[in-house]
Amino acid sequence: FFRWFDAAIAISGVLERHVIKYGSRKVAVVRAPVMVDTDAFAPSAQPAAAAPAIMYCGLLNQEKDGVVSLMRAFSGLANDMPDVRLILVGDIYEGSRIPEYRAVAESLGVEARVVFVGRVRRSEVPEHLARASVLVLARPSSAQADAGMPTKAAEYLATGVPMVITRTGDIVEYLADGANAYLVPPDDVPALEMALRHVLLHPTEAQAVGRRGRDVALRYFDYRVVGA
């Protein structure tokens, strides 16, 4: 299939190498990672939530984005950080998995501390993200994680809110732990809990990391940069 084409745009190193391996000898490949409108996700002037808030925004699933892993990490810090809430924005495209994930929260003993916002309009997403103390993407190991580059990560970074994210795919090519994001190994719930706890206990440091994360979004992921 790839031999039919003279050129390709790939969003990750894995896919770039895949096209080169199976394409024609002359195939030209341009790496173009995710794109984000950094103006739309610019830091908000409105105050953050009164209580510390850990937030995930996207499809409610464990397989792709590790939402259950996030809930387990949250349950580990919930007892000694009683003011912190976990806010889950989004659902699935058809139907709802909120009852299923509410049952997970109940089994972990944190049902009163997990807020299910459900589906929101695309235009409302930046406003929700701006209220978070920390944004999280606990993507587990998978072939998709290895070959992908999550748009969610670029949107998170563009907000200037500190982000905790698992080391999957090309993440480490753009981000460094403690510099412009907080990186943890995939499938490691204790490490995820430790990183979230660190962010919440060191807000001044975390805010500086978030600002540098936005700089990464402006430099590498802004649609005008990638488009050019």
Protein backbone atom coordinates (compact mmCIF):
# COMPACT_ATOMS: atom_id res chain seq x y z
CA PHE A 1 0.00 0.00 0.00
CA PHE A 2 2.74 2.49 0.92
CA ARG A 3 4.52 1.89 -2.38
CA TRP A 4 1.67 3.68 -4.17
CA PHE A 5 2.77 7.01 -2.70
CA ASP A 6 5.72 9.33 -3.23
CA ALA A 7 5.41 11.08 0.13
CA ALA A 8 3.72 10.77 3.49
CA ILE A 9 3.08 12.77 6.65
CA ALA A 10 3.68 10.78 9.84
CA ILE A 11 2.80 11.88 13.37
CA SER A 12 5.46 9.81 15.15
CA GLY A 13 8.87 8.23 14.76
CA VAL A 14 7.37 4.73 14.76
CA LEU A 15 5.06 5.57 11.86
CA GLU A 16 7.81 7.43 10.01
CA ARG A 17 10.04 4.35 10.17
CA HIS A 18 7.09 2.15 9.18
CA VAL A 19 6.44 4.13 6.00
CA ILE A 20 10.13 4.14 5.08
CA LYS A 21 10.40 0.38 5.65
CA TYR A 22 7.41 -0.52 3.51
CA GLY A 23 7.34 2.38 1.06
CA SER A 24 9.18 2.92 -2.19
CA ARG A 25 12.89 3.68 -2.12
CA LYS A 26 12.18 7.32 -2.92
CA VAL A 27 9.37 7.92 -0.46
CA ALA A 28 9.70 11.27 1.33
CA VAL A 29 8.39 11.43 4.89
CA VAL A 30 7.64 14.58 6.87
CA ARG A 31 7.20 14.28 10.64
CA ALA A 32 4.25 16.42 11.69
CA PRO A 33 3.15 15.74 15.25
CA VAL A 34 -0.16 16.79 16.73
CA MET A 35 -1.48 20.30 16.17
CA VAL A 36 -3.21 22.57 18.66
CA ASP A 37 -4.70 26.04 18.54
CA THR A 38 -2.60 27.51 21.34
CA ASP A 39 -4.69 30.70 21.31
CA ALA A 40 -7.88 28.75 22.09
CA PHE A 41 -6.16 26.94 24.99
CA ALA A 42 -4.24 29.96 26.29
CA PRO A 43 -4.01 30.27 30.10
CA SER A 44 -7.24 31.60 31.54
CA ALA A 45 -7.56 34.69 33.70
CA GLN A 46 -10.33 33.06 35.71
CA PRO A 47 -9.33 31.55 39.07
CA ALA A 48 -8.73 27.84 39.38
CA ALA A 49 -11.08 25.64 41.39
CA ALA A 50 -11.19 26.47 45.09
CA ALA A 51 -10.13 22.94 46.06
CA PRO A 52 -7.16 21.19 44.42
CA ALA A 53 -8.39 19.34 41.33
CA ILE A 54 -6.78 16.50 39.39
CA MET A 55 -8.38 16.40 35.95
CA TYR A 56 -8.61 14.10 32.95
CA CYS A 57 -10.49 15.14 29.83
CA GLY A 58 -11.35 12.70 27.07
CA LEU A 59 -12.97 9.33 26.43
CA LEU A 60 -13.64 7.28 29.55
CA ASN A 61 -11.50 4.22 28.92
CA GLN A 62 -8.65 2.28 30.46
CA GLU A 63 -7.35 0.66 27.30
CA LYS A 64 -6.21 3.85 25.57
CA ASP A 65 -5.95 6.51 28.27
CA GLY A 66 -5.62 4.63 31.57
CA VAL A 67 -8.56 6.21 33.41
CA VAL A 68 -8.83 3.31 35.88
CA SER A 69 -5.11 3.60 36.62
CA LEU A 70 -5.67 7.28 37.35
CA MET A 71 -8.55 6.48 39.68
CA ARG A 72 -6.39 3.97 41.55
CA ALA A 73 -3.59 6.50 41.91
CA PHE A 74 -6.08 9.04 43.21
CA SER A 75 -7.42 6.59 45.78
CA GLY A 76 -3.89 6.20 47.11
CA LEU A 77 -3.56 9.87 48.00
CA ALA A 78 -7.20 10.60 48.86
CA ASN A 79 -7.00 9.71 52.55
CA ASP A 80 -4.16 12.06 53.48
CA MET A 81 -5.14 14.82 51.01
CA PRO A 82 -8.83 15.20 51.90
CA ASP A 83 -9.46 18.40 49.91
CA VAL A 84 -8.34 17.01 46.54
CA ARG A 85 -10.93 15.97 43.96
CA LEU A 86 -10.62 13.93 40.78
CA ILE A 87 -12.59 15.47 37.91
CA LEU A 88 -13.31 13.36 34.83
CA VAL A 89 -14.53 15.37 31.85
CA GLY A 90 -15.98 13.39 28.95
CA ASP A 91 -17.55 10.02 28.25
CA ILE A 92 -17.78 7.75 25.19
CA TYR A 93 -19.25 8.65 21.81
CA GLU A 94 -22.45 6.62 22.13
CA GLY A 95 -24.11 5.60 25.36
CA SER A 96 -22.25 6.16 28.61
CA ARG A 97 -19.58 4.47 30.71
CA ILE A 98 -20.10 6.79 33.67
CA PRO A 99 -22.11 4.18 35.67
CA GLU A 100 -19.30 1.67 35.12
CA TYR A 101 -16.61 4.11 36.24
CA ARG A 102 -18.71 5.34 39.15
CA ALA A 103 -18.78 1.71 40.33
CA VAL A 104 -14.97 1.67 40.10
CA ALA A 105 -14.84 4.77 42.29
CA GLU A 106 -17.16 3.10 44.79
CA SER A 107 -14.98 -0.02 44.89
CA LEU A 108 -11.99 2.21 45.66
CA GLY A 109 -13.87 4.11 48.36
CA VAL A 110 -13.57 7.50 46.64
CA GLU A 111 -17.02 7.87 45.06
CA ALA A 112 -17.67 11.11 46.98
CA ARG A 113 -14.45 12.64 45.69
CA VAL A 114 -14.74 11.81 41.97
CA VAL A 115 -16.72 14.25 39.82
CA PHE A 116 -18.11 12.97 36.52
CA VAL A 117 -18.74 15.99 34.29
CA GLY A 118 -19.76 13.92 31.27
CA ARG A 119 -19.68 15.09 27.67
CA VAL A 120 -19.11 18.79 27.02
CA ARG A 121 -18.98 20.92 23.89
CA ARG A 122 -15.61 21.22 22.20
CA SER A 123 -15.68 24.97 22.82
CA GLU A 124 -16.05 24.37 26.57
CA VAL A 125 -12.98 22.14 26.94
CA PRO A 126 -10.40 24.94 27.50
CA GLU A 127 -12.54 26.43 30.25
CA HIS A 128 -12.68 23.11 32.07
CA LEU A 129 -8.95 22.46 31.72
CA ALA A 130 -8.13 25.90 33.10
CA ARG A 131 -9.79 25.00 36.43
CA ALA A 132 -7.44 22.08 37.09
CA SER A 133 -4.50 22.04 39.47
CA VAL A 134 -2.91 19.26 37.40
CA LEU A 135 -3.89 17.57 34.14
CA VAL A 136 -3.25 13.86 33.70
CA LEU A 137 -2.85 11.39 30.86
CA ALA A 138 -2.02 7.93 32.23
CA ARG A 139 -1.83 6.20 28.84
CA PRO A 140 -0.82 2.53 29.32
CA SER A 141 1.59 0.55 27.17
CA SER A 142 0.13 -0.49 23.81
CA ALA A 143 0.94 -0.52 20.12
CA GLN A 144 -1.23 2.57 19.70
CA ALA A 145 0.65 4.38 22.49
CA ASP A 146 3.99 3.46 20.88
CA ALA A 147 2.94 4.73 17.45
CA GLY A 148 0.78 7.67 18.46
CA MET A 149 1.23 11.20 19.69
CA PRO A 150 -1.76 12.27 21.79
CA THR A 151 -3.50 15.48 20.77
CA LYS A 152 -4.65 15.66 24.39
CA ALA A 153 -1.04 16.19 25.51
CA ALA A 154 -0.64 19.22 23.24
CA GLU A 155 -3.92 20.70 24.46
CA TYR A 156 -2.95 20.11 28.08
CA LEU A 157 0.43 21.78 27.54
CA ALA A 158 -1.11 24.78 25.80
CA THR A 159 -3.14 25.63 28.92
CA GLY A 160 -0.05 26.24 31.04
CA VAL A 161 -1.47 23.92 33.72
CA PRO A 162 1.13 21.37 34.95
CA MET A 163 0.75 17.96 33.34
CA VAL A 164 1.52 14.43 34.53
CA ILE A 165 1.87 12.02 31.61
CA THR A 166 3.22 8.53 30.99
CA ARG A 167 6.35 7.98 28.92
CA THR A 168 4.89 6.50 25.74
CA GLY A 169 5.57 7.09 22.06
CA ASP A 170 7.48 10.27 21.24
CA ILE A 171 6.66 12.05 24.52
CA VAL A 172 10.31 12.02 25.65
CA GLU A 173 11.41 13.75 22.44
CA TYR A 174 9.55 16.88 23.52
CA LEU A 175 9.24 16.71 27.30
CA ALA A 176 11.63 16.24 30.21
CA ASP A 177 10.55 15.20 33.69
CA GLY A 178 10.43 18.13 36.11
CA ALA A 179 11.31 20.63 33.38
CA ASN A 180 8.15 21.09 31.31
CA ALA A 181 5.98 18.18 32.51
CA TYR A 182 6.05 15.32 34.98
CA LEU A 183 6.77 11.97 33.33
CA VAL A 184 6.06 8.56 34.82
CA PRO A 185 6.44 5.01 33.46
CA PRO A 186 3.30 3.55 31.89
CA ASP A 187 1.40 0.92 33.89
CA ASP A 188 2.95 2.12 37.17
CA VAL A 189 0.18 3.29 39.50
CA PRO A 190 2.47 4.00 42.50
CA ALA A 191 4.71 6.21 40.33
CA LEU A 192 1.64 8.03 39.03
CA GLU A 193 0.38 8.60 42.58
CA MET A 194 3.80 9.88 43.65
CA ALA A 195 3.95 12.35 40.77
CA LEU A 196 0.45 13.68 41.47
CA ARG A 197 1.26 14.03 45.14
CA HIS A 198 4.45 15.94 44.30
CA VAL A 199 2.62 18.39 42.05
CA LEU A 200 -0.04 19.10 44.68
CA LEU A 201 2.53 19.55 47.45
CA HIS A 202 4.79 21.84 45.38
CA PRO A 203 2.39 24.24 43.62
CA THR A 204 4.94 26.99 42.93
CA GLU A 205 7.32 24.57 41.22
CA ALA A 206 4.44 22.92 39.36
CA GLN A 207 3.16 26.24 38.03
CA ALA A 208 6.61 27.02 36.62
CA VAL A 209 6.71 23.58 34.98
CA GLY A 210 3.28 24.27 33.48
CA ARG A 211 4.45 27.58 32.00
CA ARG A 212 7.43 25.86 30.40
CA GLY A 213 5.07 23.19 29.11
CA ARG A 214 3.11 25.85 27.26
CA ASP A 215 6.39 27.01 25.70
CA VAL A 216 6.79 23.48 24.29
CA ALA A 217 3.30 23.62 22.80
CA LEU A 218 4.05 26.98 21.18
CA ARG A 219 7.36 25.77 19.76
CA TYR A 220 6.40 22.33 18.46
CA PHE A 221 2.63 21.83 18.34
CA ASP A 222 1.02 25.13 17.38
CA TYR A 223 -0.92 24.55 14.17
CA ARG A 224 0.83 27.44 12.45
CA VAL A 225 4.26 25.96 13.17
CA VAL A 226 3.34 22.41 12.15
CA GLY A 227 1.33 23.62 9.17
CA ALA A 228 4.27 25.60 7.82
